Amino acid sequence: MSVDVPRSIVLVRHAKADWPEVADHERPLADRGRKDAPAVGEWLAAHGIAPGLTLCSTAVRTRETWKLTAPHLPQRPKTVYEERLYDASPGEIIAVINDVSEDVQDLLVVAHNPGLQGVAEALTGGTEGDALERMQRNGFPTSAVAVLRFDGSWKSVEPGSATLTDYWAPHEPHE
């Protein structure tokens, strides 16, 4: 593939998790999370987002989010459960993205905050519409989605290299 190929990165924060007496990595989704995760898949499908690869944190709440999101997509992408995404900093998440095969055009990442919001903000060099304003106002709540587009190779993903084209959260306040 040419290095100037248009690509997308879709960042999805896990749905609302419960707080039982278990290790953080083992926390399951709360009832609201089990309701919100399918809505993520419906939103992605309605917006024509069809990733070729999903990288998902190994935490229980991210795996459950993906399991409830994926059936709503037109095609289920290849999924890799990536340990490096659990509790990852923005720099660590970007390093994982830099390792993606050049055969992949559209990537979906299911992970955690504050890393995902940090990545969305760091990669955004431009924006379409009010996506950045809404993301900055609302933060990156559970089940939030940020869609970034860029031209180039995965190894070229770095701060300021992408355009934030969309932002959505199921409980986003509407004015």
Protein backbone atom coordinates (compact mmCIF):
# COMPACT_ATOMS: atom_id res chain seq x y z
CA MET A 1 0.00 0.00 0.00
CA SER A 2 1.11 3.51 -0.71
CA VAL A 3 2.17 5.51 2.32
CA ASP A 4 -0.33 8.26 1.47
CA VAL A 5 -3.32 5.93 1.80
CA PRO A 6 -6.25 7.45 3.74
CA ARG A 7 -6.72 5.68 7.07
CA SER A 8 -8.91 5.98 10.14
CA ILE A 9 -8.44 5.35 13.83
CA VAL A 10 -11.62 4.84 15.84
CA LEU A 11 -11.08 5.16 19.59
CA VAL A 12 -13.75 3.57 21.81
CA ARG A 13 -13.71 3.83 25.57
CA HIS A 14 -15.15 0.78 27.32
CA ALA A 15 -18.74 0.99 28.50
CA LYS A 16 -19.66 1.75 32.14
CA ALA A 17 -18.03 -0.75 34.47
CA ASP A 18 -19.16 -2.06 37.83
CA TRP A 19 -17.08 -1.85 41.03
CA PRO A 20 -17.24 -5.30 42.62
CA GLU A 21 -14.53 -6.54 45.00
CA VAL A 22 -12.20 -7.73 42.22
CA ALA A 23 -8.91 -6.57 40.76
CA ASP A 24 -9.29 -3.57 38.42
CA HIS A 25 -8.42 -5.69 35.36
CA GLU A 26 -11.30 -8.07 36.20
CA ARG A 27 -14.06 -5.46 36.60
CA PRO A 28 -17.15 -6.37 34.51
CA LEU A 29 -19.63 -4.03 32.87
CA ALA A 30 -22.42 -2.48 34.92
CA ASP A 31 -26.03 -2.75 33.74
CA ARG A 32 -25.75 0.67 32.03
CA GLY A 33 -22.60 -0.51 30.25
CA ARG A 34 -24.38 -3.57 28.90
CA LYS A 35 -27.06 -1.22 27.50
CA ASP A 36 -24.61 1.35 26.09
CA ALA A 37 -22.16 -1.00 24.35
CA PRO A 38 -24.64 -2.15 21.66
CA ALA A 39 -25.47 1.52 21.01
CA VAL A 40 -21.78 2.06 20.19
CA GLY A 41 -21.97 -0.65 17.53
CA GLU A 42 -25.20 0.81 16.15
CA TRP A 43 -23.60 4.28 15.94
CA LEU A 44 -20.49 2.92 14.21
CA ALA A 45 -22.60 0.99 11.66
CA ALA A 46 -24.87 3.99 11.02
CA HIS A 47 -21.78 6.10 10.28
CA GLY A 48 -20.31 3.59 7.83
CA ILE A 49 -17.41 2.64 10.09
CA ALA A 50 -16.13 -0.81 9.20
CA PRO A 51 -12.69 -1.39 10.73
CA GLY A 52 -10.40 -4.03 9.31
CA LEU A 53 -8.78 -4.62 12.71
CA THR A 54 -9.82 -4.11 16.32
CA LEU A 55 -7.21 -3.87 19.05
CA CYS A 56 -8.87 -4.43 22.42
CA SER A 57 -7.43 -4.17 25.92
CA THR A 58 -7.38 -7.47 27.78
CA ALA A 59 -9.44 -6.08 30.70
CA VAL A 60 -12.81 -7.77 31.27
CA ARG A 61 -14.76 -4.51 30.75
CA THR A 62 -13.14 -3.78 27.37
CA ARG A 63 -13.63 -7.36 26.15
CA GLU A 64 -17.29 -7.27 27.22
CA THR A 65 -17.76 -3.89 25.52
CA TRP A 66 -16.34 -5.25 22.27
CA LYS A 67 -18.40 -8.45 22.51
CA LEU A 68 -21.60 -6.36 22.73
CA THR A 69 -20.50 -3.79 20.11
CA ALA A 70 -19.19 -6.06 17.33
CA PRO A 71 -22.46 -7.82 16.35
CA HIS A 72 -23.88 -4.47 15.20
CA LEU A 73 -21.15 -3.89 12.62
CA PRO A 74 -21.69 -4.97 9.00
CA GLN A 75 -18.66 -7.29 9.26
CA ARG A 76 -16.76 -8.38 12.32
CA PRO A 77 -13.13 -7.30 11.96
CA LYS A 78 -10.15 -9.35 13.03
CA THR A 79 -9.72 -8.80 16.77
CA VAL A 80 -6.46 -8.81 18.72
CA TYR A 81 -6.55 -8.61 22.51
CA GLU A 82 -3.59 -6.39 23.31
CA GLU A 83 -2.14 -6.40 26.85
CA ARG A 84 -0.26 -3.14 26.19
CA LEU A 85 -3.56 -1.24 25.98
CA TYR A 86 -4.53 -1.92 29.60
CA ASP A 87 -3.85 1.21 31.69
CA ALA A 88 -1.81 2.63 28.80
CA SER A 89 -0.63 6.21 28.51
CA PRO A 90 -1.28 8.16 25.30
CA GLY A 91 2.32 7.49 24.21
CA GLU A 92 1.94 3.76 24.83
CA ILE A 93 -1.31 3.67 22.82
CA ILE A 94 0.35 5.53 19.93
CA ALA A 95 3.22 3.00 20.06
CA VAL A 96 0.68 0.16 19.70
CA ILE A 97 -0.92 1.99 16.73
CA ASN A 98 2.52 2.47 15.14
CA ASP A 99 2.92 -1.34 15.13
CA VAL A 100 -0.23 -1.98 13.04
CA SER A 101 0.32 -3.75 9.72
CA GLU A 102 0.23 -1.49 6.67
CA ASP A 103 -2.39 -3.88 5.20
CA VAL A 104 -4.95 -2.42 7.65
CA GLN A 105 -6.77 0.67 6.43
CA ASP A 106 -9.20 1.28 9.30
CA LEU A 107 -8.39 0.52 12.94
CA LEU A 108 -10.65 0.40 16.00
CA VAL A 109 -9.11 0.59 19.49
CA VAL A 110 -11.12 -0.36 22.59
CA ALA A 111 -9.34 0.79 25.72
CA HIS A 112 -9.40 3.06 28.78
CA ASN A 113 -9.20 6.63 29.97
CA PRO A 114 -7.31 8.83 30.53
CA GLY A 115 -5.16 7.30 27.76
CA LEU A 116 -7.80 7.38 25.00
CA GLN A 117 -8.78 11.00 25.52
CA GLY A 118 -5.10 11.89 25.61
CA VAL A 119 -4.52 10.10 22.30
CA ALA A 120 -7.55 11.76 20.67
CA GLU A 121 -6.37 15.20 21.79
CA ALA A 122 -2.72 14.57 20.92
CA LEU A 123 -3.37 13.21 17.42
CA THR A 124 -5.85 15.95 16.51
CA GLY A 125 -4.12 18.46 14.26
CA GLY A 126 -7.38 19.56 12.69
CA THR A 127 -11.10 19.01 13.18
CA GLU A 128 -14.30 18.84 11.21
CA GLY A 129 -17.34 20.65 12.52
CA ASP A 130 -17.68 20.89 16.29
CA ALA A 131 -16.24 17.45 17.13
CA LEU A 132 -13.24 18.78 19.04
CA GLU A 133 -15.28 21.38 20.91
CA ARG A 134 -17.79 18.71 22.01
CA MET A 135 -15.02 16.31 23.05
CA GLN A 136 -13.28 19.00 25.08
CA ARG A 137 -16.54 20.05 26.70
CA ASN A 138 -17.74 16.51 27.53
CA GLY A 139 -14.44 14.72 28.06
CA PHE A 140 -14.27 11.08 27.08
CA PRO A 141 -16.98 9.34 29.12
CA THR A 142 -17.63 5.62 29.05
CA SER A 143 -18.71 4.37 25.59
CA ALA A 144 -17.37 7.54 23.93
CA VAL A 145 -16.12 7.29 20.34
CA ALA A 146 -13.61 9.51 18.53
CA VAL A 147 -12.98 9.08 14.81
CA LEU A 148 -9.66 10.34 13.44
CA ARG A 149 -8.49 10.30 9.83
CA PHE A 150 -5.01 10.70 8.42
CA ASP A 151 -3.00 9.96 5.29
CA GLY A 152 0.15 7.91 5.65
CA SER A 153 1.57 4.82 7.26
CA TRP A 154 0.77 3.61 10.76
CA LYS A 155 4.37 4.33 11.71
CA SER A 156 3.76 8.01 10.82
CA VAL A 157 0.98 8.43 13.42
CA GLU A 158 2.22 11.09 15.82
CA PRO A 159 0.83 14.13 17.64
CA GLY A 160 -0.98 16.50 15.30
CA SER A 161 -1.04 14.04 12.38
CA ALA A 162 -4.80 13.40 12.21
CA THR A 163 -8.11 15.16 11.73
CA LEU A 164 -10.85 14.54 14.30
CA THR A 165 -13.85 13.92 12.05
CA ASP A 166 -16.42 12.77 14.62
CA TYR A 167 -17.06 12.41 18.32
CA TRP A 168 -20.00 10.68 20.01
CA ALA A 169 -21.05 9.51 23.45
CA PRO A 170 -24.38 7.85 24.29
CA HIS A 171 -25.17 10.24 27.14
CA GLU A 172 -23.71 13.39 25.57
CA PRO A 173 -25.72 16.44 26.63
CA HIS A 174 -27.60 18.04 23.77
CA GLU A 175 -28.04 21.78 23.70
